[in-house]
Protein backbone atom coordinates (compact mmCIF):
# COMPACT_ATOMS: atom_id res chain seq x y z
CA MET A 1 168.30 160.24 101.22
CA THR A 2 167.18 160.82 97.58
CA GLY A 3 166.68 157.69 95.55
CA ARG A 4 168.38 157.17 92.28
CA ALA A 5 166.55 157.11 89.03
CA GLY A 6 164.19 154.05 88.79
CA ASP A 7 164.65 153.07 92.46
CA GLU A 8 161.00 153.01 93.31
CA PRO A 9 158.78 150.41 91.54
CA VAL A 10 155.22 151.23 90.78
CA LEU A 11 152.37 149.51 89.15
CA LEU A 12 150.38 151.45 86.56
CA ALA A 13 146.48 151.17 86.19
CA VAL A 14 144.59 152.69 83.31
CA ASP A 15 140.81 152.90 83.85
CA VAL A 16 138.58 153.82 80.95
CA GLY A 17 135.57 154.86 83.02
CA THR A 18 132.14 156.31 82.32
CA GLY A 19 133.16 159.86 83.26
CA GLY A 20 136.70 159.85 81.89
CA ALA A 21 139.96 158.03 81.58
CA ARG A 22 142.56 157.95 84.24
CA ALA A 23 146.10 156.64 84.79
CA VAL A 24 147.34 155.91 88.17
CA ALA A 25 150.62 154.73 89.70
CA VAL A 26 150.34 152.40 92.80
CA ASP A 27 153.32 151.28 94.91
CA LEU A 28 153.84 147.82 96.01
CA GLN A 29 152.13 148.55 99.42
CA GLY A 30 148.84 149.53 97.59
CA ARG A 31 149.25 153.33 97.98
CA VAL A 32 148.31 155.70 95.23
CA VAL A 33 151.54 157.54 94.23
CA ALA A 34 150.01 159.79 91.47
CA GLU A 35 146.81 159.93 89.42
CA MET A 36 146.00 161.92 86.23
CA ARG A 37 142.40 162.09 84.76
CA ARG A 38 140.98 163.22 81.45
CA PRO A 39 137.22 163.57 81.28
CA TYR A 40 135.04 163.01 78.29
CA LYS A 41 131.37 163.52 77.45
CA THR A 42 128.38 161.17 77.41
CA ASN A 43 125.75 162.10 74.77
CA GLU A 44 122.00 161.28 75.29
CA PRO A 45 120.48 162.00 71.85
CA HIS A 46 117.14 160.19 72.69
CA PRO A 47 115.40 158.91 75.87
CA GLY A 48 117.12 155.74 76.95
CA TRP A 49 120.19 156.33 74.73
CA ALA A 50 123.67 156.92 76.07
CA GLU A 51 126.59 157.39 73.77
CA GLN A 52 130.44 158.14 73.81
CA ASN A 53 132.93 158.93 71.12
CA PRO A 54 135.31 155.99 71.06
CA GLN A 55 138.17 158.05 70.12
CA ASP A 56 137.80 159.85 73.45
CA TRP A 57 138.58 156.53 75.20
CA SER A 58 141.85 156.18 73.33
CA ASP A 59 142.84 159.78 73.54
CA GLY A 60 141.78 160.33 77.17
CA ALA A 61 143.81 157.21 78.29
CA ALA A 62 146.85 158.22 76.25
CA GLN A 63 146.82 161.83 77.45
CA ALA A 64 146.46 160.60 81.05
CA LEU A 65 149.40 158.13 80.70
CA ILE A 66 151.49 161.09 79.12
CA SER A 67 150.69 163.26 82.00
CA LEU A 68 151.49 160.56 84.56
CA ALA A 69 154.91 159.88 82.93
CA ARG A 70 155.67 163.51 83.37
CA ARG A 71 154.53 163.55 86.99
CA LEU A 72 156.45 160.52 88.09
CA GLY A 73 159.63 161.49 86.38
CA ARG A 74 162.66 159.19 86.42
CA ARG A 75 162.49 158.29 90.00
CA HIS A 76 159.71 155.62 89.63
CA ARG A 77 160.16 152.51 87.67
CA PRO A 78 156.91 151.04 86.01
CA VAL A 79 156.90 147.25 86.59
CA ALA A 80 153.60 146.75 84.54
CA ILE A 81 150.41 148.28 83.29
CA GLY A 82 147.12 146.83 84.19
CA LEU A 83 144.08 147.78 82.14
CA THR A 84 140.29 148.12 83.07
CA GLY A 85 137.26 150.07 82.08
CA GLN A 86 133.52 150.40 81.95
CA CYS A 87 131.59 147.23 80.80
CA PRO A 88 129.57 146.34 78.88
CA THR A 89 129.91 149.29 76.57
CA VAL A 90 130.79 148.53 72.97
CA ALA A 91 131.65 150.37 69.77
CA PRO A 92 131.90 149.23 66.08
CA PHE A 93 135.31 149.53 64.15
CA ASP A 94 136.23 149.07 60.59
CA ALA A 95 139.04 146.89 59.11
CA LYS A 96 141.58 149.82 59.43
CA GLY A 97 140.69 150.25 63.21
CA ARG A 98 138.59 153.36 62.77
CA PRO A 99 135.18 153.86 64.62
CA VAL A 100 132.20 153.70 62.40
CA GLY A 101 129.63 154.68 65.01
CA PRO A 102 129.48 155.93 68.57
CA GLY A 103 129.99 153.71 71.69
CA LEU A 104 126.87 152.46 73.12
CA LEU A 105 127.05 152.58 77.08
CA TYR A 106 126.01 150.01 79.42
CA ARG A 107 123.12 152.08 80.45
CA ASP A 108 121.93 152.52 76.89
CA ASN A 109 118.49 150.82 76.79
CA ARG A 110 117.62 151.12 73.07
CA ALA A 111 117.95 147.37 72.41
CA VAL A 112 114.99 146.29 74.40
CA ASP A 113 113.34 144.29 71.52
CA GLU A 114 116.63 142.61 70.59
CA ALA A 115 117.15 141.47 74.10
CA ARG A 116 113.65 139.98 74.27
CA GLU A 117 114.35 138.09 71.05
CA MET A 118 117.63 136.71 72.45
CA ARG A 119 115.78 135.42 75.49
CA ASP A 120 113.01 134.02 73.37
CA ARG A 121 115.41 132.29 71.14
CA LEU A 122 117.48 130.62 73.71
CA GLY A 123 115.23 130.39 76.73
CA ILE A 124 115.93 132.34 79.88
CA GLU A 125 117.11 129.43 82.04
CA ALA A 126 119.21 127.96 79.27
CA MET A 127 120.93 131.34 78.61
CA HIS A 128 121.63 131.80 82.17
CA ARG A 129 123.14 128.39 82.53
CA ARG A 130 125.30 128.80 79.49
CA THR A 131 126.45 132.51 79.70
CA GLY A 132 125.71 133.42 83.38
CA HIS A 133 123.35 136.14 82.16
CA VAL A 134 119.79 136.96 81.01
CA ALA A 135 119.73 139.26 77.99
CA GLU A 136 118.92 142.72 78.57
CA ALA A 137 119.45 145.98 76.54
CA PHE A 138 122.24 146.53 78.97
CA HIS A 139 124.35 143.70 77.35
CA VAL A 140 126.55 143.90 74.14
CA GLY A 141 124.78 141.19 72.19
CA PRO A 142 121.38 143.08 71.96
CA LYS A 143 123.19 146.31 71.06
CA VAL A 144 125.05 144.40 68.16
CA LEU A 145 121.75 143.03 66.93
CA TRP A 146 120.22 146.53 67.12
CA LEU A 147 122.89 147.87 64.87
CA ARG A 148 122.41 145.20 62.38
CA ARG A 149 118.63 145.94 62.29
CA ARG A 150 118.53 149.61 62.70
CA GLN A 151 121.70 150.89 61.25
CA PRO A 152 122.69 148.17 58.57
CA ASP A 153 125.12 150.53 56.85
CA VAL A 154 127.22 150.87 60.10
CA PHE A 155 126.99 147.09 60.65
CA ARG A 156 128.29 146.24 57.21
CA ARG A 157 131.26 148.48 57.64
CA THR A 158 132.12 146.83 60.96
CA ALA A 159 134.99 144.50 61.18
CA ARG A 160 135.28 144.35 65.05
CA PHE A 161 133.43 145.20 68.15
CA LEU A 162 135.49 146.49 70.90
CA GLN A 163 134.88 147.64 74.41
CA PRO A 164 136.58 150.71 75.96
CA ARG A 165 139.56 148.74 77.53
CA ASP A 166 140.03 146.90 74.32
CA VAL A 167 140.38 150.20 72.46
CA VAL A 168 143.15 151.25 74.90
CA LEU A 169 145.01 147.94 74.59
CA ARG A 170 145.12 148.50 70.80
CA ARG A 171 146.48 151.96 71.42
CA LEU A 172 149.17 150.71 73.81
CA CYS A 173 150.59 147.78 71.82
CA GLY A 174 148.66 147.33 68.62
CA ARG A 175 146.92 144.16 69.69
CA ASP A 176 143.31 143.33 69.33
CA ALA A 177 142.03 141.32 72.32
CA THR A 178 139.54 141.28 75.07
CA ASP A 179 139.47 139.35 78.46
CA GLU A 180 136.96 136.78 79.80
CA THR A 181 135.06 139.25 81.87
CA ASN A 182 134.28 141.70 79.09
CA ALA A 183 133.46 138.70 76.84
CA ASN A 184 131.06 137.38 79.51
CA ALA A 185 128.90 140.55 78.96
CA THR A 186 128.45 139.93 75.24
CA LEU A 187 126.20 136.84 75.78
CA PHE A 188 128.32 134.82 73.26
CA PHE A 189 130.73 133.43 75.80
CA ASP A 190 130.48 130.14 77.59
CA LEU A 191 130.87 130.93 81.39
CA ARG A 192 132.15 127.57 82.53
CA ALA A 193 134.14 126.60 79.59
CA ARG A 194 135.66 130.11 79.59
CA ARG A 195 135.64 130.51 75.79
CA TRP A 196 133.73 131.87 72.89
CA ALA A 197 130.58 129.77 72.00
CA PRO A 198 130.51 129.22 68.19
CA ASP A 199 126.95 127.78 68.53
CA LEU A 200 125.71 131.06 70.05
CA PHE A 201 127.14 133.08 67.36
CA ALA A 202 125.54 130.86 64.86
CA THR A 203 122.22 131.04 66.71
CA PHE A 204 122.00 134.81 65.91
CA ASP A 205 123.89 134.55 62.57
CA LEU A 206 126.94 136.41 63.53
CA GLU A 207 130.57 135.87 62.65
CA SER A 208 132.92 135.17 65.51
CA SER A 209 135.56 137.23 63.88
CA LEU A 210 133.38 140.34 64.87
CA PHE A 211 134.98 139.89 68.42
CA PRO A 212 138.68 139.62 69.42
CA ALA A 213 140.30 136.76 71.11
CA ALA A 214 139.35 136.49 74.87
CA LEU A 215 142.28 136.18 77.30
CA ALA A 216 142.34 135.30 80.85
CA PRO A 217 142.41 138.65 83.00
CA TRP A 218 145.94 137.84 84.18
CA THR A 219 147.46 137.51 80.83
CA VAL A 220 150.31 139.73 79.58
CA ALA A 221 148.90 140.92 76.35
CA GLY A 222 151.81 142.95 75.06
CA GLU A 223 154.47 145.48 76.02
CA LEU A 224 155.15 149.08 75.35
CA ALA A 225 157.30 149.59 72.20
CA ALA A 226 160.78 151.43 72.12
CA SER A 227 159.03 154.36 70.40
CA ASN A 228 155.92 154.55 72.51
CA GLU A 229 154.22 157.96 72.68
CA PHE A 230 153.63 157.84 76.47
CA GLY A 231 156.99 158.59 77.88
CA PHE A 232 157.58 155.27 79.56
CA PRO A 233 160.48 152.80 79.02
CA ALA A 234 160.21 150.21 76.31
CA GLY A 235 159.24 146.67 77.26
CA VAL A 236 156.90 147.42 80.11
CA PRO A 237 154.43 144.59 80.19
CA ILE A 238 150.75 145.25 79.54
CA VAL A 239 148.27 143.07 81.54
CA ILE A 240 144.93 142.85 80.01
CA GLY A 241 142.98 143.10 83.20
CA SER A 242 139.19 142.91 83.49
CA ALA A 243 135.97 144.77 83.58
CA ASP A 244 136.03 147.68 86.21
CA SER A 245 133.80 145.99 88.60
CA GLN A 246 135.65 142.82 88.59
CA CYS A 247 139.05 144.74 89.30
CA ALA A 248 137.14 146.51 92.10
CA ALA A 249 136.27 143.18 93.60
CA PHE A 250 139.73 142.04 93.52
CA GLY A 251 141.13 145.24 94.94
CA ALA A 252 138.57 144.93 97.77
CA GLY A 253 139.96 141.51 98.70
CA VAL A 254 136.59 139.78 97.56
CA VAL A 255 138.20 136.40 96.38
CA ASP A 256 136.18 134.08 98.63
CA PRO A 257 132.53 133.86 99.69
CA GLY A 258 131.48 136.31 102.40
CA PRO A 259 132.34 139.90 101.70
CA VAL A 260 130.68 141.98 98.94
CA SER A 261 132.42 144.60 96.87
CA GLU A 262 130.63 147.75 95.84
CA MET A 263 132.24 149.75 93.11
CA ALA A 264 130.38 153.03 93.76
CA GLY A 265 130.86 155.29 90.78
CA SER A 266 128.45 156.67 88.36
CA SER A 267 126.75 153.42 88.76
CA SER A 268 127.17 150.92 91.57
CA CYS A 269 128.30 147.26 90.86
CA LEU A 270 128.03 144.72 93.52
CA ASN A 271 130.18 141.66 93.33
CA SER A 272 130.71 138.51 95.42
CA ALA A 273 132.91 135.54 94.94
CA VAL A 274 131.30 132.05 94.40
CA LEU A 275 132.88 128.64 93.83
CA GLN A 276 130.22 127.74 91.30
CA PRO A 277 127.66 129.87 89.54
CA LEU A 278 124.34 130.33 91.39
CA ALA A 279 121.20 128.87 89.85
CA ASP A 280 119.08 132.02 90.48
CA ILE A 281 118.50 133.67 87.01
CA ARG A 282 118.30 137.08 88.74
CA VAL A 283 122.13 137.04 89.49
CA THR A 284 124.49 137.61 86.67
CA HIS A 285 127.97 135.91 86.71
CA TYR A 286 131.45 136.62 85.34
CA SER A 287 134.82 134.84 85.35
CA HIS A 288 136.64 135.91 88.32
CA VAL A 289 140.10 137.45 88.01
CA VAL A 290 141.67 134.76 89.97
CA PRO A 291 141.37 131.00 88.86
CA ASN A 292 138.76 128.56 90.18
CA ARG A 293 136.36 131.18 91.23
CA PHE A 294 133.23 133.00 89.61
CA SER A 295 132.06 136.55 90.35
CA THR A 296 128.37 137.41 90.75
CA GLU A 297 127.38 140.92 89.72
CA MET A 298 124.25 143.02 90.43
CA GLY A 299 123.96 146.81 90.18
CA VAL A 300 122.32 150.05 90.15
CA ASN A 301 122.86 152.09 86.93
CA THR A 302 122.59 155.61 88.31
CA ALA A 303 123.71 155.53 91.95
CA GLY A 304 126.60 158.06 92.07
CA ALA A 305 125.05 159.67 88.96
CA ALA A 306 121.89 160.31 90.94
CA ILE A 307 123.82 162.05 93.78
CA ASP A 308 125.64 164.16 90.99
CA TRP A 309 122.27 165.17 89.61
CA ALA A 310 121.01 166.19 93.09
CA VAL A 311 124.01 168.20 93.94
CA THR A 312 123.38 170.22 90.75
CA ARG A 313 119.65 170.33 90.92
CA LEU A 314 119.42 171.11 94.61
CA GLY A 315 122.02 173.95 94.40
CA TYR A 316 124.83 172.35 96.45
CA ARG A 317 128.40 173.45 95.72
CA THR A 318 129.86 169.97 96.66
CA HIS A 319 128.84 166.39 97.38
CA ALA A 320 130.18 166.92 100.90
CA ALA A 321 127.74 169.83 101.44
CA LEU A 322 124.79 167.71 100.35
CA ALA A 323 125.84 164.87 102.63
CA ALA A 324 126.37 167.35 105.49
CA ASP A 325 122.76 168.63 105.20
CA ALA A 326 121.39 165.15 104.91
CA ALA A 327 123.34 164.17 108.18
CA ARG A 328 121.96 167.39 110.01
CA PHE A 329 118.41 166.41 108.89
CA ARG A 330 118.82 162.83 110.33
CA GLY A 331 120.40 164.18 113.51
CA GLU A 332 117.43 166.32 114.25
CA TRP A 333 115.13 163.69 113.39
CA GLU A 334 116.95 161.23 115.63
CA LYS A 335 116.75 163.67 118.52
CA LEU A 336 112.98 163.68 118.27
CA GLY A 337 112.81 159.94 118.89
CA THR A 338 109.32 158.66 119.05
CA ARG A 339 108.08 162.23 118.90
CA GLY A 340 109.14 162.37 115.32
CA GLY A 341 106.05 160.45 114.23
CA ASP A 342 105.56 158.11 111.42
CA PRO A 343 108.87 157.56 109.66
CA VAL A 344 107.19 157.44 106.30
CA GLU A 345 106.08 161.07 106.87
CA ALA A 346 109.44 162.54 107.98
CA ALA A 347 111.01 162.77 104.53
CA PRO A 348 110.22 162.18 100.94
CA LEU A 349 111.18 158.83 99.29
CA PHE A 350 113.65 158.95 96.36
CA LEU A 351 114.04 156.40 93.59
CA PRO A 352 117.51 156.98 91.98
CA TYR A 353 116.80 155.42 88.65
CA LEU A 354 117.61 158.53 86.48
CA GLY A 355 119.13 156.61 83.62
CA ASP A 356 115.75 155.95 81.76
CA GLY A 357 115.62 152.45 83.15
CA GLU A 358 117.64 150.09 85.08
CA ARG A 359 119.77 147.13 83.86
CA ASP A 360 117.31 144.52 84.88
CA ASP A 361 114.15 146.71 84.07
CA PRO A 362 114.26 149.29 81.29
CA THR A 363 110.88 150.82 82.36
CA LEU A 364 111.75 151.75 85.95
CA ARG A 365 112.11 155.57 86.45
CA ALA A 366 113.26 157.87 89.11
CA ALA A 367 110.93 159.88 91.34
CA PHE A 368 110.42 161.80 94.63
CA ILE A 369 107.40 160.24 96.33
CA GLY A 370 105.60 161.77 99.30
CA LEU A 371 106.61 165.30 98.86
CA SER A 372 105.03 167.81 101.28
CA SER A 373 105.45 171.50 101.89
CA ARG A 374 106.92 170.44 105.32
CA HIS A 375 109.95 169.36 103.46
CA ASP A 376 112.98 171.51 102.90
CA ARG A 377 116.14 171.12 101.03
CA ARG A 378 117.85 169.10 103.76
CA ALA A 379 115.01 166.62 103.67
CA LEU A 380 115.51 166.20 99.86
CA ALA A 381 119.15 165.76 100.39
CA TYR A 382 118.48 163.11 102.95
CA ALA A 383 116.00 161.36 100.67
CA VAL A 384 118.50 161.22 97.83
CA LEU A 385 121.22 159.52 99.89
CA GLU A 386 118.70 157.20 101.50
CA GLY A 387 117.20 156.29 98.10
CA VAL A 388 120.66 155.24 96.85
CA ALA A 389 121.33 153.20 99.86
CA PHE A 390 117.85 151.53 99.46
CA ALA A 391 118.54 150.70 95.77
CA VAL A 392 121.74 148.89 96.84
CA TRP A 393 119.97 147.07 99.61
CA SER A 394 117.11 146.06 97.35
CA THR A 395 119.70 144.52 94.97
CA LEU A 396 121.66 142.80 97.63
CA VAL A 397 118.54 141.05 99.14
CA ILE A 398 118.30 139.22 95.83
CA LEU A 399 122.07 138.21 96.08
CA GLN A 400 121.46 136.77 99.46
CA GLU A 401 118.29 134.89 98.56
CA ALA A 402 120.27 133.37 95.67
CA GLY A 403 122.73 131.73 98.25
CA SER A 404 125.59 134.30 98.21
CA PRO A 405 126.41 135.40 101.85
CA LEU A 406 126.87 139.07 102.77
CA ASP A 407 129.18 139.31 105.74
CA GLU A 408 130.12 142.94 105.08
CA LEU A 409 130.07 145.34 102.23
CA ARG A 410 133.37 146.91 101.06
CA VAL A 411 132.73 150.29 99.34
CA SER A 412 135.20 152.07 97.04
CA GLY A 413 134.96 154.91 94.56
CA GLY A 414 133.03 158.13 94.83
CA GLY A 415 130.33 156.52 97.18
CA GLY A 416 133.12 155.52 99.55
CA ARG A 417 133.89 159.08 100.25
CA LEU A 418 130.53 159.96 101.73
CA SER A 419 130.59 158.44 105.21
CA PHE A 420 126.87 159.39 105.91
CA LEU A 421 125.81 157.28 102.92
CA SER A 422 127.83 154.29 104.13
CA GLN A 423 126.14 154.68 107.47
CA LEU A 424 122.71 154.68 105.76
CA LYS A 425 123.83 151.57 103.91
CA ALA A 426 124.89 149.82 107.21
CA ASP A 427 121.54 150.58 108.87
CA VAL A 428 119.49 149.23 105.98
CA LEU A 429 121.69 146.17 105.49
CA GLY A 430 122.05 145.33 109.13
CA ARG A 431 125.85 144.66 108.17
CA SER A 432 129.04 146.51 108.62
CA VAL A 433 130.17 148.73 105.78
CA ILE A 434 133.81 149.39 105.13
CA ASP A 435 134.75 152.54 103.26
CA LEU A 436 138.03 151.76 101.45
CA ARG A 437 140.37 154.73 101.49
CA HIS A 438 141.66 154.00 97.94
CA ASP A 439 139.83 153.28 94.81
CA ALA A 440 139.66 149.50 94.65
CA THR A 441 139.20 149.51 90.93
CA VAL A 442 142.60 150.94 90.26
CA ILE A 443 144.13 149.03 93.13
CA GLY A 444 142.80 145.83 91.71
CA ALA A 445 144.01 146.51 88.20
CA ALA A 446 147.48 147.40 89.39
CA MET A 447 147.67 144.37 91.69
CA LEU A 448 146.37 142.04 88.96
CA ALA A 449 149.20 143.33 86.90
CA ALA A 450 151.62 142.63 89.76
CA THR A 451 150.23 139.16 90.13
CA ALA A 452 150.76 138.53 86.48
CA CYS A 453 154.39 139.66 86.69
CA GLY A 454 155.25 137.28 89.65
CA LEU A 455 154.54 139.49 92.52
CA GLN A 456 151.70 137.47 94.07
CA VAL A 457 152.77 137.86 97.67
CA GLU A 458 153.24 141.58 97.36
CA ALA A 459 149.78 141.98 95.66
CA ARG A 460 147.95 139.95 98.35
CA ALA A 461 149.72 142.00 101.31
CA ALA A 462 148.91 145.24 99.52
CA ILE A 463 145.17 144.53 99.27
CA ALA A 464 144.89 143.21 102.77
CA ALA A 465 146.46 146.39 103.84
CA VAL A 466 143.95 148.52 101.84
CA VAL A 467 141.08 146.66 103.44
CA LYS A 468 142.52 146.84 106.95
CA GLN A 469 143.00 150.68 106.58
CA GLY A 470 139.33 151.16 105.67
CA ARG A 471 136.76 153.01 107.90
CA ARG A 472 134.18 150.81 109.33
CA MET A 473 130.44 151.79 109.77
CA ASP A 474 128.24 149.52 111.93
CA PRO A 475 124.43 149.43 112.00
CA THR A 476 122.82 151.72 114.67
CA PRO A 477 119.70 150.73 116.70
CA TRP A 478 117.76 154.06 115.63
CA GLY A 479 118.66 153.60 111.95
CA ARG A 480 117.37 149.85 112.01
CA ASP A 481 114.06 150.73 113.48
CA VAL A 482 113.43 153.81 111.23
CA VAL A 483 114.85 152.12 108.01
CA ALA A 484 112.56 149.14 108.30
CA ALA A 485 109.34 151.07 107.69
CA ARG A 486 110.93 153.27 104.98
CA ALA A 487 112.49 150.34 103.24
CA SER A 488 109.34 148.61 103.02
CA TRP A 489 107.78 151.71 101.46
CA PHE A 490 110.66 151.69 98.93
CA GLU A 491 110.01 148.17 97.87
CA ARG A 492 106.34 148.68 97.42
CA THR A 493 106.85 151.84 95.44
CA ILE A 494 109.35 150.34 92.91
CA ARG A 495 106.67 147.65 91.96
CA GLU A 496 103.95 150.33 91.40
CA PRO A 497 103.07 150.78 87.60
CA GLY A 498 103.29 154.66 88.09
CA VAL A 499 106.98 154.56 88.23
CA HIS A 500 107.41 152.53 85.23
CA VAL A 501 107.28 154.07 81.78
CA GLY A 502 107.17 152.51 78.18
CA GLY A 503 105.92 149.08 79.44
CA GLY A 504 102.90 149.81 81.45
CA GLY A 505 104.78 148.57 84.50
CA ALA A 506 105.90 145.43 82.57
CA VAL A 507 107.60 142.83 84.50
CA PRO A 508 111.38 142.52 83.97
CA ALA A 509 112.67 139.48 82.31
CA ALA A 510 114.21 137.92 85.51
CA ALA A 511 110.89 138.45 87.33
CA ALA A 512 108.93 136.90 84.37
CA SER A 513 110.50 133.53 85.30
CA GLY A 514 109.69 133.79 88.90
CA GLY A 515 112.59 136.08 89.92
CA GLY A 516 112.55 139.81 90.25
CA ARG A 517 112.82 142.03 93.42
CA THR A 518 110.99 140.69 96.26
């Protein structure tokens, strides 16, 4: 039987990501009904820099929404729109709402000096207690200070700093606002009080008006106007949502301590839920998208991006082809058993830090280590996926040491579509890894919008169904034995001065206070 116009309710999610914008329709069971994407470019004009055109964020999201409206037709009724996007990425805008400079991405590491100055001014421990973060070039605050120092004309013309999701909110309903999670990443937001901190702005001689009001992630920030350009009905509520990784954690059901979410896109963000912020300065914190919780976050800047690079540079047609070669390499290695010799000699080691630095160490670089004429393309493919798994493991070790449990890892995004990569992660972590069938970021944004509109029961049930339908990978005995030796090699290597550039192997800020990778 054919439904009448508007019979089928859907939630819309708009994600302003690193590789492009997308608009997705999700039904009340958590199933993706339709998805439209619009890619845009990242420019790298200098080593360590990464920029995007802020107009691309706005236009890409608008075009994706227009295409989605056409795809859905009149049969589906949009209940609400939930927003999310890459974070912390920031761009300057003038008083008329026009960009006056490029957007500086989260992996842009130009503001190393400014981050150091922020740490020195506030003190590392005090900064972490107040904001949940330790300043790095990764954050918004150092980027703003860099612009003031290095591009004063751009800074003088700036009336407002906005992150990509904020830019799209303005396009949808004309309102300037951000949410708590995006505000957390500026370093001017009080984590526990959940509000802007006037004294932090004053410490760095910044006007608080440079940043918009910060709303709770579940806030209805506006609605579509009657004359909207997108093709959807007037009055559809727009829920401000949160940073992409925080939406992914919600969409993966990570609302209580135990499971950890991995948003495996161009970068990997790793999030757990905690009742109170952890004292360990190596672990950053955000407001959770549900009340009375906080979200930890750690990450790898170029996880999926490293795999993208390898697919191109190693001459594979698809990601699946690279993963298949890597799996064949491991299968033959596994058949050899003890005759395979020293695990360290079997394949080269890959460090996946291709973004001219990592978020907690701008000097760390990528490398193949231990290459031999014995190693063919399959060995390199294996090394790349193993290196990404090791980078995730190395990061999660810190999270566990800080006091956040890891019962299982729930993976969504592009990395969740390579089952062999998830098997490697299960082996190195010694924990089950669940590949979610749907992208938890858009599921989370959609279900956060549902929650804001009174559909809490439906949202909880939909997220539970998404997790239950995931594919589970458990550790294997062979993988555990081999991985132990190679993981130790990885840990030793990333501390070597030879894989650090621009700082002589300088110790990252967190490690300087007794933290860092162990």
